[in-house]
Amino acid sequence: MNFLRIFTICCGFLALAASQPAHAQLRGRAGQPGGRLSQLDNAKIAFITARLTLTQDQAQRFWPTYNEFVTKRRELNRTARLLRRDASSAGLSDAQLRENFTQDFALRQQQLNLEKDYFERAQKVLTLRQLAQLYQAERDFTKEVLRRVASPADPD
């Protein structure tokens, strides 16, 4: 089944699921100015939902935790990008560069700690097989987005 068909099916599922209390947070954030849920985020949610086949109870418990994790991961990634950008400026002293590296190592440790914490929390909701499917679905979604960006004329 191609991505567009999966996306269409999942959008229908999301429309139904949006009336559920677990998705109230998603709707609120999407409706706010500068909200995090863009069209790409919605497509990612639909893609993951199709892959994991969550029960209603699992979905209600999973999505708030996952959204919190994604928000924290984005914040850490943004900070790391800014730090790397600053490190590339030629005007930094050796002491400033050393401090920059120290901060980068600390950020990577925070990212690892976040992944480990999320893994522990997610195991309370998902099976290990579903967790493995989640990680694969995230990678597959990224590959699909990159493929589509590389060939935007593709009618899929």
N, C-alpha and C. Protein backbone atom coordinates (compact mmCIF):
# COMPACT_ATOMS: atom_id res chain seq x y z
N MET A 1 0.86 -1.17 0.00
CA MET A 1 0.00 0.00 0.00
C MET A 1 0.91 1.23 0.00
N ASN A 2 0.66 2.18 -0.89
CA ASN A 2 1.56 3.32 -0.96
C ASN A 2 1.30 4.31 0.17
N PHE A 3 2.24 5.23 0.33
CA PHE A 3 2.22 6.17 1.45
C PHE A 3 0.96 7.04 1.41
N LEU A 4 0.57 7.52 0.24
CA LEU A 4 -0.60 8.38 0.15
C LEU A 4 -1.86 7.67 0.63
N ARG A 5 -2.02 6.41 0.28
CA ARG A 5 -3.18 5.64 0.72
C ARG A 5 -3.15 5.46 2.24
N ILE A 6 -1.97 5.12 2.78
CA ILE A 6 -1.84 4.98 4.24
C ILE A 6 -2.16 6.31 4.91
N PHE A 7 -1.61 7.39 4.34
CA PHE A 7 -1.85 8.72 4.90
C PHE A 7 -3.34 9.05 4.91
N THR A 8 -4.03 8.78 3.81
CA THR A 8 -5.46 9.07 3.71
C THR A 8 -6.26 8.27 4.73
N ILE A 9 -5.96 6.99 4.84
CA ILE A 9 -6.65 6.14 5.80
C ILE A 9 -6.41 6.63 7.22
N CYS A 10 -5.17 6.96 7.50
CA CYS A 10 -4.82 7.38 8.85
C CYS A 10 -5.40 8.75 9.19
N CYS A 11 -5.50 9.62 8.20
CA CYS A 11 -6.14 10.92 8.46
C CYS A 11 -7.59 10.72 8.86
N GLY A 12 -8.25 9.77 8.22
CA GLY A 12 -9.62 9.44 8.62
C GLY A 12 -9.66 8.93 10.04
N PHE A 13 -8.71 8.07 10.38
CA PHE A 13 -8.61 7.56 11.75
C PHE A 13 -8.37 8.70 12.72
N LEU A 14 -7.47 9.61 12.37
CA LEU A 14 -7.19 10.74 13.25
C LEU A 14 -8.41 11.63 13.44
N ALA A 15 -9.19 11.80 12.40
CA ALA A 15 -10.40 12.61 12.52
C ALA A 15 -11.35 11.99 13.54
N LEU A 16 -11.45 10.67 13.50
CA LEU A 16 -12.29 9.99 14.49
C LEU A 16 -11.67 10.07 15.88
N ALA A 17 -10.38 9.86 15.93
CA ALA A 17 -9.69 9.85 17.22
C ALA A 17 -9.62 11.23 17.85
N ALA A 18 -9.72 12.28 17.04
CA ALA A 18 -9.63 13.64 17.56
C ALA A 18 -10.74 13.95 18.56
N SER A 19 -11.82 13.20 18.48
CA SER A 19 -12.90 13.44 19.42
C SER A 19 -12.64 12.77 20.77
N GLN A 20 -11.61 11.95 20.83
CA GLN A 20 -11.26 11.27 22.08
C GLN A 20 -10.50 12.21 23.00
N PRO A 21 -10.64 12.09 24.31
CA PRO A 21 -9.96 12.96 25.26
C PRO A 21 -8.44 12.91 25.14
N ALA A 22 -7.89 11.78 24.77
CA ALA A 22 -6.42 11.66 24.67
C ALA A 22 -5.86 12.58 23.61
N HIS A 23 -6.68 12.96 22.66
CA HIS A 23 -6.18 13.80 21.59
C HIS A 23 -6.52 15.28 21.81
N ALA A 24 -7.10 15.61 22.94
CA ALA A 24 -7.44 17.00 23.22
C ALA A 24 -6.19 17.86 23.25
N GLN A 25 -5.12 17.33 23.79
CA GLN A 25 -3.87 18.07 23.84
C GLN A 25 -3.38 18.36 22.43
N LEU A 26 -3.50 17.40 21.52
CA LEU A 26 -3.06 17.59 20.15
C LEU A 26 -3.86 18.70 19.49
N ARG A 27 -5.17 18.67 19.66
CA ARG A 27 -6.02 19.68 19.05
C ARG A 27 -5.68 21.06 19.60
N GLY A 28 -5.48 21.15 20.91
CA GLY A 28 -5.18 22.44 21.52
C GLY A 28 -3.88 23.02 20.99
N ARG A 29 -2.87 22.20 20.90
CA ARG A 29 -1.59 22.70 20.42
C ARG A 29 -1.67 23.05 18.94
N ALA A 30 -2.39 22.27 18.17
CA ALA A 30 -2.47 22.53 16.74
C ALA A 30 -3.22 23.84 16.48
N GLY A 31 -4.20 24.17 17.32
CA GLY A 31 -4.99 25.36 17.12
C GLY A 31 -4.31 26.63 17.60
N GLN A 32 -3.27 26.53 18.39
CA GLN A 32 -2.60 27.70 18.92
C GLN A 32 -1.66 28.28 17.87
N PRO A 33 -1.49 29.60 17.90
CA PRO A 33 -0.50 30.20 17.00
C PRO A 33 0.87 29.63 17.34
N GLY A 34 1.62 29.25 16.32
CA GLY A 34 2.94 28.68 16.55
C GLY A 34 2.90 27.28 17.12
N GLY A 35 1.74 26.60 17.04
CA GLY A 35 1.62 25.25 17.57
C GLY A 35 2.58 24.30 16.87
N ARG A 36 2.98 23.24 17.58
CA ARG A 36 3.98 22.31 17.08
C ARG A 36 3.44 21.34 16.03
N LEU A 37 2.15 21.07 16.06
CA LEU A 37 1.63 20.06 15.14
C LEU A 37 1.38 20.67 13.77
N SER A 38 2.29 20.43 12.89
CA SER A 38 2.14 20.88 11.51
C SER A 38 1.56 19.74 10.69
N GLN A 39 1.41 19.99 9.42
CA GLN A 39 0.93 18.95 8.52
C GLN A 39 1.87 17.74 8.54
N LEU A 40 3.17 18.00 8.62
CA LEU A 40 4.14 16.92 8.67
C LEU A 40 4.00 16.11 9.96
N ASP A 41 3.77 16.79 11.07
CA ASP A 41 3.57 16.09 12.33
C ASP A 41 2.33 15.21 12.28
N ASN A 42 1.26 15.73 11.68
CA ASN A 42 0.03 14.94 11.55
C ASN A 42 0.26 13.72 10.69
N ALA A 43 1.02 13.89 9.62
CA ALA A 43 1.33 12.75 8.75
C ALA A 43 2.16 11.71 9.51
N LYS A 44 3.07 12.18 10.34
CA LYS A 44 3.90 11.25 11.12
C LYS A 44 3.04 10.48 12.11
N ILE A 45 2.12 11.15 12.77
CA ILE A 45 1.22 10.48 13.71
C ILE A 45 0.39 9.42 12.99
N ALA A 46 -0.11 9.79 11.83
CA ALA A 46 -0.92 8.85 11.05
C ALA A 46 -0.07 7.64 10.63
N PHE A 47 1.14 7.90 10.21
CA PHE A 47 2.04 6.84 9.77
C PHE A 47 2.34 5.88 10.93
N ILE A 48 2.67 6.44 12.09
CA ILE A 48 2.98 5.62 13.27
C ILE A 48 1.75 4.85 13.73
N THR A 49 0.60 5.51 13.74
CA THR A 49 -0.64 4.86 14.15
C THR A 49 -0.93 3.63 13.29
N ALA A 50 -0.73 3.78 11.99
CA ALA A 50 -0.98 2.66 11.08
C ALA A 50 -0.02 1.51 11.35
N ARG A 51 1.19 1.82 11.71
CA ARG A 51 2.19 0.78 11.92
C ARG A 51 2.02 0.03 13.24
N LEU A 52 1.59 0.74 14.29
CA LEU A 52 1.58 0.13 15.63
C LEU A 52 0.31 -0.62 15.97
N THR A 53 -0.77 -0.36 15.29
CA THR A 53 -2.07 -0.95 15.61
C THR A 53 -2.34 -0.92 17.12
N LEU A 54 -2.42 0.29 17.64
CA LEU A 54 -2.66 0.49 19.07
C LEU A 54 -4.12 0.23 19.42
N THR A 55 -4.32 -0.33 20.61
CA THR A 55 -5.68 -0.41 21.13
C THR A 55 -6.08 1.00 21.56
N GLN A 56 -7.36 1.22 21.81
CA GLN A 56 -7.81 2.54 22.22
C GLN A 56 -7.16 2.93 23.55
N ASP A 57 -7.08 2.00 24.48
CA ASP A 57 -6.44 2.27 25.77
C ASP A 57 -4.97 2.63 25.58
N GLN A 58 -4.27 1.87 24.74
CA GLN A 58 -2.86 2.16 24.48
C GLN A 58 -2.70 3.54 23.86
N ALA A 59 -3.53 3.87 22.89
CA ALA A 59 -3.44 5.17 22.22
C ALA A 59 -3.65 6.31 23.20
N GLN A 60 -4.63 6.16 24.09
CA GLN A 60 -4.90 7.21 25.07
C GLN A 60 -3.73 7.42 26.01
N ARG A 61 -3.01 6.37 26.32
CA ARG A 61 -1.86 6.47 27.23
C ARG A 61 -0.57 6.80 26.48
N PHE A 62 -0.46 6.35 25.23
CA PHE A 62 0.78 6.50 24.47
C PHE A 62 1.00 7.91 23.94
N TRP A 63 0.00 8.50 23.26
CA TRP A 63 0.23 9.75 22.55
C TRP A 63 0.64 10.92 23.44
N PRO A 64 0.08 11.13 24.62
CA PRO A 64 0.59 12.23 25.45
C PRO A 64 2.07 12.04 25.84
N THR A 65 2.44 10.81 26.16
CA THR A 65 3.83 10.53 26.51
C THR A 65 4.74 10.75 25.31
N TYR A 66 4.32 10.24 24.16
CA TYR A 66 5.12 10.38 22.95
C TYR A 66 5.27 11.86 22.56
N ASN A 67 4.19 12.62 22.63
CA ASN A 67 4.25 14.04 22.28
C ASN A 67 5.18 14.81 23.22
N GLU A 68 5.14 14.47 24.49
CA GLU A 68 6.05 15.10 25.46
C GLU A 68 7.50 14.78 25.09
N PHE A 69 7.75 13.51 24.77
CA PHE A 69 9.09 13.08 24.38
C PHE A 69 9.57 13.83 23.13
N VAL A 70 8.72 13.92 22.11
CA VAL A 70 9.10 14.59 20.86
C VAL A 70 9.40 16.07 21.12
N THR A 71 8.61 16.71 21.95
CA THR A 71 8.84 18.12 22.28
C THR A 71 10.20 18.30 22.97
N LYS A 72 10.48 17.47 23.94
CA LYS A 72 11.76 17.56 24.65
C LYS A 72 12.93 17.24 23.72
N ARG A 73 12.75 16.24 22.85
CA ARG A 73 13.82 15.88 21.91
C ARG A 73 14.08 17.03 20.95
N ARG A 74 13.03 17.68 20.47
CA ARG A 74 13.20 18.83 19.57
C ARG A 74 13.95 19.96 20.26
N GLU A 75 13.60 20.22 21.51
CA GLU A 75 14.29 21.29 22.25
C GLU A 75 15.77 20.99 22.38
N LEU A 76 16.10 19.76 22.74
CA LEU A 76 17.51 19.39 22.87
C LEU A 76 18.23 19.46 21.52
N ASN A 77 17.58 19.01 20.45
CA ASN A 77 18.19 19.06 19.12
C ASN A 77 18.41 20.51 18.67
N ARG A 78 17.45 21.37 18.97
CA ARG A 78 17.59 22.78 18.60
C ARG A 78 18.76 23.41 19.35
N THR A 79 18.87 23.13 20.63
CA THR A 79 19.98 23.66 21.42
C THR A 79 21.31 23.15 20.87
N ALA A 80 21.35 21.87 20.52
CA ALA A 80 22.58 21.29 19.97
C ALA A 80 22.95 21.94 18.64
N ARG A 81 21.96 22.19 17.78
CA ARG A 81 22.24 22.85 16.49
C ARG A 81 22.80 24.26 16.71
N LEU A 82 22.21 25.00 17.64
CA LEU A 82 22.71 26.34 17.93
C LEU A 82 24.13 26.30 18.48
N LEU A 83 24.39 25.32 19.30
CA LEU A 83 25.72 25.16 19.87
C LEU A 83 26.73 24.84 18.77
N ARG A 84 26.38 23.95 17.86
CA ARG A 84 27.29 23.61 16.75
C ARG A 84 27.52 24.81 15.84
N ARG A 85 26.45 25.58 15.62
CA ARG A 85 26.59 26.78 14.79
C ARG A 85 27.57 27.75 15.44
N ASP A 86 27.45 27.93 16.75
CA ASP A 86 28.35 28.83 17.46
C ASP A 86 29.79 28.33 17.41
N ALA A 87 29.97 27.01 17.49
CA ALA A 87 31.31 26.43 17.49
C ALA A 87 32.01 26.62 16.16
N SER A 88 31.23 26.78 15.10
CA SER A 88 31.85 26.92 13.78
C SER A 88 32.36 28.32 13.51
N SER A 89 32.03 29.27 14.38
CA SER A 89 32.55 30.62 14.15
C SER A 89 34.03 30.66 14.50
N ALA A 90 34.78 31.28 13.63
CA ALA A 90 36.24 31.27 13.73
C ALA A 90 36.75 32.14 14.87
N GLY A 91 35.93 33.00 15.42
CA GLY A 91 36.39 33.94 16.43
C GLY A 91 36.44 33.40 17.86
N LEU A 92 36.18 32.12 18.07
CA LEU A 92 36.18 31.58 19.43
C LEU A 92 37.60 31.25 19.89
N SER A 93 37.84 31.53 21.17
CA SER A 93 39.13 31.17 21.76
C SER A 93 39.15 29.67 22.04
N ASP A 94 40.32 29.14 22.36
CA ASP A 94 40.42 27.73 22.71
C ASP A 94 39.57 27.39 23.93
N ALA A 95 39.56 28.29 24.91
CA ALA A 95 38.76 28.05 26.12
C ALA A 95 37.26 28.01 25.77
N GLN A 96 36.84 28.90 24.87
CA GLN A 96 35.44 28.91 24.46
C GLN A 96 35.09 27.64 23.67
N LEU A 97 36.01 27.21 22.83
CA LEU A 97 35.79 25.97 22.08
C LEU A 97 35.69 24.77 23.02
N ARG A 98 36.57 24.73 24.04
CA ARG A 98 36.54 23.65 25.02
C ARG A 98 35.20 23.64 25.75
N GLU A 99 34.74 24.80 26.16
CA GLU A 99 33.45 24.91 26.85
C GLU A 99 32.31 24.47 25.93
N ASN A 100 32.43 24.81 24.66
CA ASN A 100 31.43 24.42 23.68
C ASN A 100 31.36 22.89 23.56
N PHE A 101 32.53 22.26 23.50
CA PHE A 101 32.56 20.79 23.45
C PHE A 101 31.97 20.18 24.71
N THR A 102 32.28 20.75 25.85
CA THR A 102 31.75 20.25 27.12
C THR A 102 30.22 20.35 27.12
N GLN A 103 29.70 21.46 26.65
CA GLN A 103 28.25 21.62 26.57
C GLN A 103 27.64 20.64 25.58
N ASP A 104 28.34 20.39 24.47
CA ASP A 104 27.84 19.43 23.48
C ASP A 104 27.76 18.03 24.08
N PHE A 105 28.79 17.64 24.82
CA PHE A 105 28.78 16.32 25.46
C PHE A 105 27.63 16.22 26.46
N ALA A 106 27.41 17.29 27.22
CA ALA A 106 26.32 17.30 28.20
C ALA A 106 24.96 17.19 27.50
N LEU A 107 24.80 17.87 26.38
CA LEU A 107 23.55 17.78 25.62
C LEU A 107 23.32 16.38 25.09
N ARG A 108 24.37 15.75 24.58
CA ARG A 108 24.21 14.39 24.07
C ARG A 108 23.86 13.43 25.21
N GLN A 109 24.40 13.66 26.40
CA GLN A 109 24.05 12.83 27.55
C GLN A 109 22.58 13.05 27.93
N GLN A 110 22.12 14.30 27.86
CA GLN A 110 20.72 14.59 28.13
C GLN A 110 19.81 13.89 27.12
N GLN A 111 20.24 13.87 25.86
CA GLN A 111 19.47 13.19 24.82
C GLN A 111 19.39 11.69 25.11
N LEU A 112 20.50 11.11 25.49
CA LEU A 112 20.52 9.68 25.83
C LEU A 112 19.64 9.41 27.05
N ASN A 113 19.74 10.24 28.07
CA ASN A 113 18.91 10.07 29.26
C ASN A 113 17.42 10.18 28.91
N LEU A 114 17.08 11.11 28.02
CA LEU A 114 15.69 11.26 27.58
C LEU A 114 15.23 9.99 26.88
N GLU A 115 16.04 9.45 25.98
CA GLU A 115 15.69 8.22 25.26
C GLU A 115 15.46 7.07 26.24
N LYS A 116 16.36 6.94 27.22
CA LYS A 116 16.23 5.85 28.19
C LYS A 116 14.98 6.01 29.05
N ASP A 117 14.71 7.24 29.49
CA ASP A 117 13.53 7.51 30.30
C ASP A 117 12.26 7.22 29.50
N TYR A 118 12.23 7.69 28.27
CA TYR A 118 11.06 7.46 27.43
C TYR A 118 10.87 5.97 27.18
N PHE A 119 11.95 5.24 26.94
CA PHE A 119 11.87 3.80 26.71
C PHE A 119 11.21 3.13 27.92
N GLU A 120 11.62 3.50 29.12
CA GLU A 120 11.03 2.92 30.34
C GLU A 120 9.55 3.26 30.46
N ARG A 121 9.22 4.52 30.19
CA ARG A 121 7.82 4.94 30.29
C ARG A 121 6.96 4.28 29.21
N ALA A 122 7.50 4.17 28.01
CA ALA A 122 6.73 3.59 26.90
C ALA A 122 6.47 2.11 27.11
N GLN A 123 7.38 1.41 27.80
CA GLN A 123 7.19 -0.02 28.07
C GLN A 123 5.98 -0.28 28.96
N LYS A 124 5.54 0.73 29.69
CA LYS A 124 4.37 0.58 30.54
C LYS A 124 3.08 0.62 29.72
N VAL A 125 3.19 1.05 28.45
CA VAL A 125 2.02 1.18 27.58
C VAL A 125 2.09 0.23 26.40
N LEU A 126 3.27 0.11 25.81
CA LEU A 126 3.46 -0.69 24.60
C LEU A 126 4.21 -1.98 24.90
N THR A 127 4.02 -2.95 24.04
CA THR A 127 4.83 -4.17 24.12
C THR A 127 6.22 -3.85 23.55
N LEU A 128 7.17 -4.71 23.82
CA LEU A 128 8.50 -4.51 23.26
C LEU A 128 8.46 -4.57 21.73
N ARG A 129 7.62 -5.42 21.20
CA ARG A 129 7.48 -5.51 19.74
C ARG A 129 6.94 -4.19 19.18
N GLN A 130 5.95 -3.61 19.85
CA GLN A 130 5.41 -2.33 19.40
C GLN A 130 6.46 -1.22 19.49
N LEU A 131 7.28 -1.27 20.54
CA LEU A 131 8.36 -0.28 20.66
C LEU A 131 9.34 -0.41 19.49
N ALA A 132 9.69 -1.64 19.15
CA ALA A 132 10.57 -1.87 18.01
C ALA A 132 9.92 -1.36 16.73
N GLN A 133 8.62 -1.59 16.59
CA GLN A 133 7.89 -1.11 15.42
C GLN A 133 7.84 0.42 15.40
N LEU A 134 7.72 1.03 16.58
CA LEU A 134 7.72 2.49 16.67
C LEU A 134 9.03 3.07 16.16
N TYR A 135 10.15 2.54 16.65
CA TYR A 135 11.45 3.04 16.22
C TYR A 135 11.63 2.85 14.72
N GLN A 136 11.19 1.71 14.20
CA GLN A 136 11.30 1.47 12.76
C GLN A 136 10.38 2.41 11.99
N ALA A 137 9.18 2.63 12.50
CA ALA A 137 8.23 3.52 11.82
C ALA A 137 8.78 4.95 11.77
N GLU A 138 9.42 5.40 12.84
CA GLU A 138 10.02 6.74 12.83
C GLU A 138 11.10 6.84 11.76
N ARG A 139 11.94 5.83 11.67
CA ARG A 139 12.99 5.82 10.64
C ARG A 139 12.38 5.77 9.24
N ASP A 140 11.39 4.90 9.05
CA ASP A 140 10.75 4.76 7.74
C ASP A 140 10.06 6.06 7.33
N PHE A 141 9.43 6.72 8.28
CA PHE A 141 8.76 7.98 7.97
C PHE A 141 9.78 9.02 7.51
N THR A 142 10.89 9.11 8.21
CA THR A 142 11.95 10.06 7.83
C THR A 142 12.47 9.75 6.43
N LYS A 143 12.70 8.47 6.16
CA LYS A 143 13.16 8.08 4.82
C LYS A 143 12.15 8.47 3.76
N GLU A 144 10.87 8.25 4.05
CA GLU A 144 9.81 8.58 3.09
C GLU A 144 9.76 10.08 2.84
N VAL A 145 9.87 10.87 3.89
CA VAL A 145 9.87 12.33 3.73
C VAL A 145 11.07 12.76 2.89
N LEU A 146 12.23 12.23 3.19
CA LEU A 146 13.43 12.59 2.42
C LEU A 146 13.29 12.15 0.96
N ARG A 147 12.70 10.99 0.74
CA ARG A 147 12.50 10.52 -0.62
C ARG A 147 11.58 11.47 -1.37
N ARG A 148 10.52 11.91 -0.71
CA ARG A 148 9.56 12.80 -1.35
C ARG A 148 10.16 14.18 -1.60
N VAL A 149 11.01 14.65 -0.70
CA VAL A 149 11.66 15.93 -0.90
C VAL A 149 12.63 15.84 -2.07
N ALA A 150 13.31 14.71 -2.19
CA ALA A 150 14.27 14.53 -3.27
C ALA A 150 13.59 14.42 -4.63
N SER A 151 12.36 13.90 -4.67
CA SER A 151 11.64 13.77 -5.95
C SER A 151 10.20 14.25 -5.77
N PRO A 152 9.98 15.57 -5.67
CA PRO A 152 8.64 16.09 -5.39
C PRO A 152 7.62 15.85 -6.50
N ALA A 153 8.07 15.53 -7.69
CA ALA A 153 7.14 15.29 -8.78
C ALA A 153 6.55 13.89 -8.76
N ASP A 154 7.02 13.05 -7.82
CA ASP A 154 6.54 11.67 -7.71
C ASP A 154 5.06 11.68 -7.34
N PRO A 155 4.19 11.04 -8.13
CA PRO A 155 2.74 11.08 -7.88
C PRO A 155 2.26 10.20 -6.73
N ASP A 156 3.13 9.43 -6.06
CA ASP A 156 2.69 8.57 -4.95
C ASP A 156 1.87 9.33 -4.00
